[in-house]
Amino acid sequence: MKNTALTLALLLTTGLFGLQAQADGDAQAGEKLFKRLCGGCHQVGSDARGGFGPQLNGVIGRKAGTTTGYQYSDAMKTSGVVWSRETLAKYVADPKSVVAGTRMIFWGISDQEKIENLLAYLQTFPAQP
């Protein structure tokens, strides 16, 4: 009986940690998605700079419209949004529903797993000094 209870507890714990890891996303899959869908406008990494879109180093935790080297729309600058995982996930899914008037031309990603993967990848790039 003790062994059954212990085995059940171990399985439940392993399952819960497995779900958390899955919920956090796969950074390698996110890298592929970033290169395909985002990399034409955005950059990440030590040499990242603004171009057609702002660089995204340290985006999670940053106030929208504040990174240097990019000319943001008034809508983005005055949105008051701080990019948490949740707000960024909503933005990636449907940009105009989070910041009406954004200049970002993107149809959105509806697959939550892809969004989590993308966010996991972005989190590997801290803000640059």
Protein backbone atom coordinates (compact mmCIF):
# COMPACT_ATOMS: atom_id res chain seq x y z
CA MET A 1 0.00 0.00 0.00
CA LYS A 2 2.82 2.38 0.90
CA ASN A 3 4.60 1.60 -2.36
CA THR A 4 1.43 2.28 -4.36
CA ALA A 5 0.91 5.64 -2.65
CA LEU A 6 4.57 6.56 -3.12
CA THR A 7 4.49 5.57 -6.78
CA LEU A 8 1.30 7.58 -7.33
CA ALA A 9 2.81 10.62 -5.62
CA LEU A 10 5.94 10.33 -7.76
CA LEU A 11 3.92 10.05 -10.96
CA LEU A 12 1.79 13.06 -10.07
CA THR A 13 4.84 15.16 -9.18
CA THR A 14 6.66 14.15 -12.36
CA GLY A 15 3.57 14.92 -14.41
CA LEU A 16 3.14 18.34 -12.84
CA PHE A 17 6.77 19.30 -13.45
CA GLY A 18 6.51 17.99 -16.99
CA LEU A 19 3.49 20.20 -17.63
CA GLN A 20 5.32 23.24 -16.27
CA ALA A 21 8.29 22.61 -18.53
CA GLN A 22 5.97 22.22 -21.50
CA ALA A 23 4.07 25.41 -20.57
CA ASP A 24 7.32 27.37 -20.54
CA GLY A 25 7.99 26.50 -24.17
CA ASP A 26 10.84 25.14 -26.25
CA ALA A 27 13.45 27.82 -26.99
CA GLN A 28 14.94 25.85 -29.90
CA ALA A 29 11.55 25.58 -31.61
CA GLY A 30 11.01 29.27 -30.80
CA GLU A 31 14.29 30.18 -32.52
CA LYS A 32 13.12 28.55 -35.74
CA LEU A 33 9.78 30.32 -35.51
CA PHE A 34 11.46 33.66 -34.76
CA LYS A 35 13.75 33.36 -37.78
CA ARG A 36 10.83 32.49 -40.04
CA LEU A 37 8.17 34.92 -38.79
CA CYS A 38 9.89 37.69 -36.85
CA GLY A 39 13.48 37.93 -38.03
CA GLY A 40 12.65 39.98 -41.11
CA CYS A 41 11.74 42.94 -38.89
CA HIS A 42 13.21 42.24 -35.43
CA GLN A 43 16.66 41.35 -34.12
CA VAL A 44 17.92 39.73 -30.92
CA GLY A 45 21.41 39.08 -29.61
CA SER A 46 24.49 41.11 -28.75
CA ASP A 47 24.49 43.00 -32.07
CA ALA A 48 20.72 43.55 -32.23
CA ARG A 49 19.47 46.94 -33.30
CA GLY A 50 16.24 48.49 -34.41
CA GLY A 51 15.37 48.27 -38.09
CA PHE A 52 11.94 47.80 -39.57
CA GLY A 53 10.93 46.78 -36.03
CA PRO A 54 12.58 47.32 -32.63
CA GLN A 55 15.23 44.96 -31.27
CA LEU A 56 13.74 42.54 -28.77
CA ASN A 57 16.49 41.92 -26.21
CA GLY A 58 14.98 42.11 -22.74
CA VAL A 59 11.49 42.69 -24.11
CA ILE A 60 9.79 40.81 -21.26
CA GLY A 61 9.58 43.25 -18.38
CA ARG A 62 10.12 46.32 -20.59
CA LYS A 63 7.61 49.11 -21.03
CA ALA A 64 6.25 49.21 -24.58
CA GLY A 65 7.66 51.86 -26.88
CA THR A 66 10.77 52.62 -24.85
CA THR A 67 13.77 50.88 -26.41
CA THR A 68 16.24 53.17 -28.16
CA GLY A 69 17.05 53.00 -31.84
CA TYR A 70 13.49 52.68 -33.09
CA GLN A 71 10.76 55.20 -33.92
CA TYR A 72 7.60 53.85 -32.27
CA SER A 73 4.04 54.78 -33.18
CA ASP A 74 2.24 57.12 -30.82
CA ALA A 75 -0.13 54.25 -30.04
CA MET A 76 2.74 52.10 -28.77
CA LYS A 77 4.46 54.92 -26.87
CA THR A 78 1.27 55.85 -25.03
CA SER A 79 -0.15 52.34 -24.56
CA GLY A 80 1.07 51.97 -20.97
CA VAL A 81 1.75 48.29 -21.68
CA VAL A 82 4.55 46.53 -19.84
CA TRP A 83 5.52 43.37 -21.67
CA SER A 84 4.92 40.42 -19.36
CA ARG A 85 4.72 36.88 -20.76
CA GLU A 86 0.94 37.22 -20.68
CA THR A 87 0.67 40.57 -22.46
CA LEU A 88 3.30 39.59 -25.02
CA ALA A 89 1.48 36.29 -25.67
CA LYS A 90 -1.75 38.20 -26.30
CA TYR A 91 0.10 40.67 -28.55
CA VAL A 92 1.72 37.92 -30.60
CA ALA A 93 -1.70 36.30 -31.00
CA ASP A 94 -3.43 39.55 -32.07
CA PRO A 95 -1.32 42.74 -31.98
CA LYS A 96 -4.11 45.22 -32.65
CA SER A 97 -6.25 43.87 -29.80
CA VAL A 98 -3.50 44.77 -27.30
CA VAL A 99 -2.27 48.03 -28.83
CA ALA A 100 -4.89 49.55 -31.11
CA GLY A 101 -3.16 51.67 -33.74
CA THR A 102 0.13 49.75 -33.69
CA ARG A 103 2.10 49.94 -36.92
CA MET A 104 3.12 46.30 -36.64
CA ILE A 105 1.84 44.48 -39.68
CA PHE A 106 1.39 40.95 -38.43
CA TRP A 107 -1.61 38.64 -38.62
CA GLY A 108 -0.81 36.91 -35.31
CA ILE A 109 -0.13 33.36 -34.21
CA SER A 110 -3.10 31.34 -33.00
CA ASP A 111 -1.18 28.25 -31.83
CA GLN A 112 -0.49 28.67 -28.09
CA GLU A 113 2.38 26.17 -28.16
CA LYS A 114 4.15 28.22 -30.86
CA ILE A 115 3.64 31.38 -28.82
CA GLU A 116 5.13 29.71 -25.73
CA ASN A 117 8.09 28.51 -27.79
CA LEU A 118 8.65 32.00 -29.17
CA LEU A 119 8.50 33.54 -25.69
CA ALA A 120 10.94 30.93 -24.37
CA TYR A 121 13.36 31.92 -27.13
CA LEU A 122 12.97 35.65 -26.48
CA GLN A 123 13.63 35.12 -22.77
CA THR A 124 17.12 33.86 -23.62
CA PHE A 125 18.08 37.42 -24.63
CA PRO A 126 18.41 39.81 -21.68
CA ALA A 127 18.47 43.57 -22.13
CA GLN A 128 21.79 44.85 -23.44
CA PRO A 129 23.61 47.58 -21.48
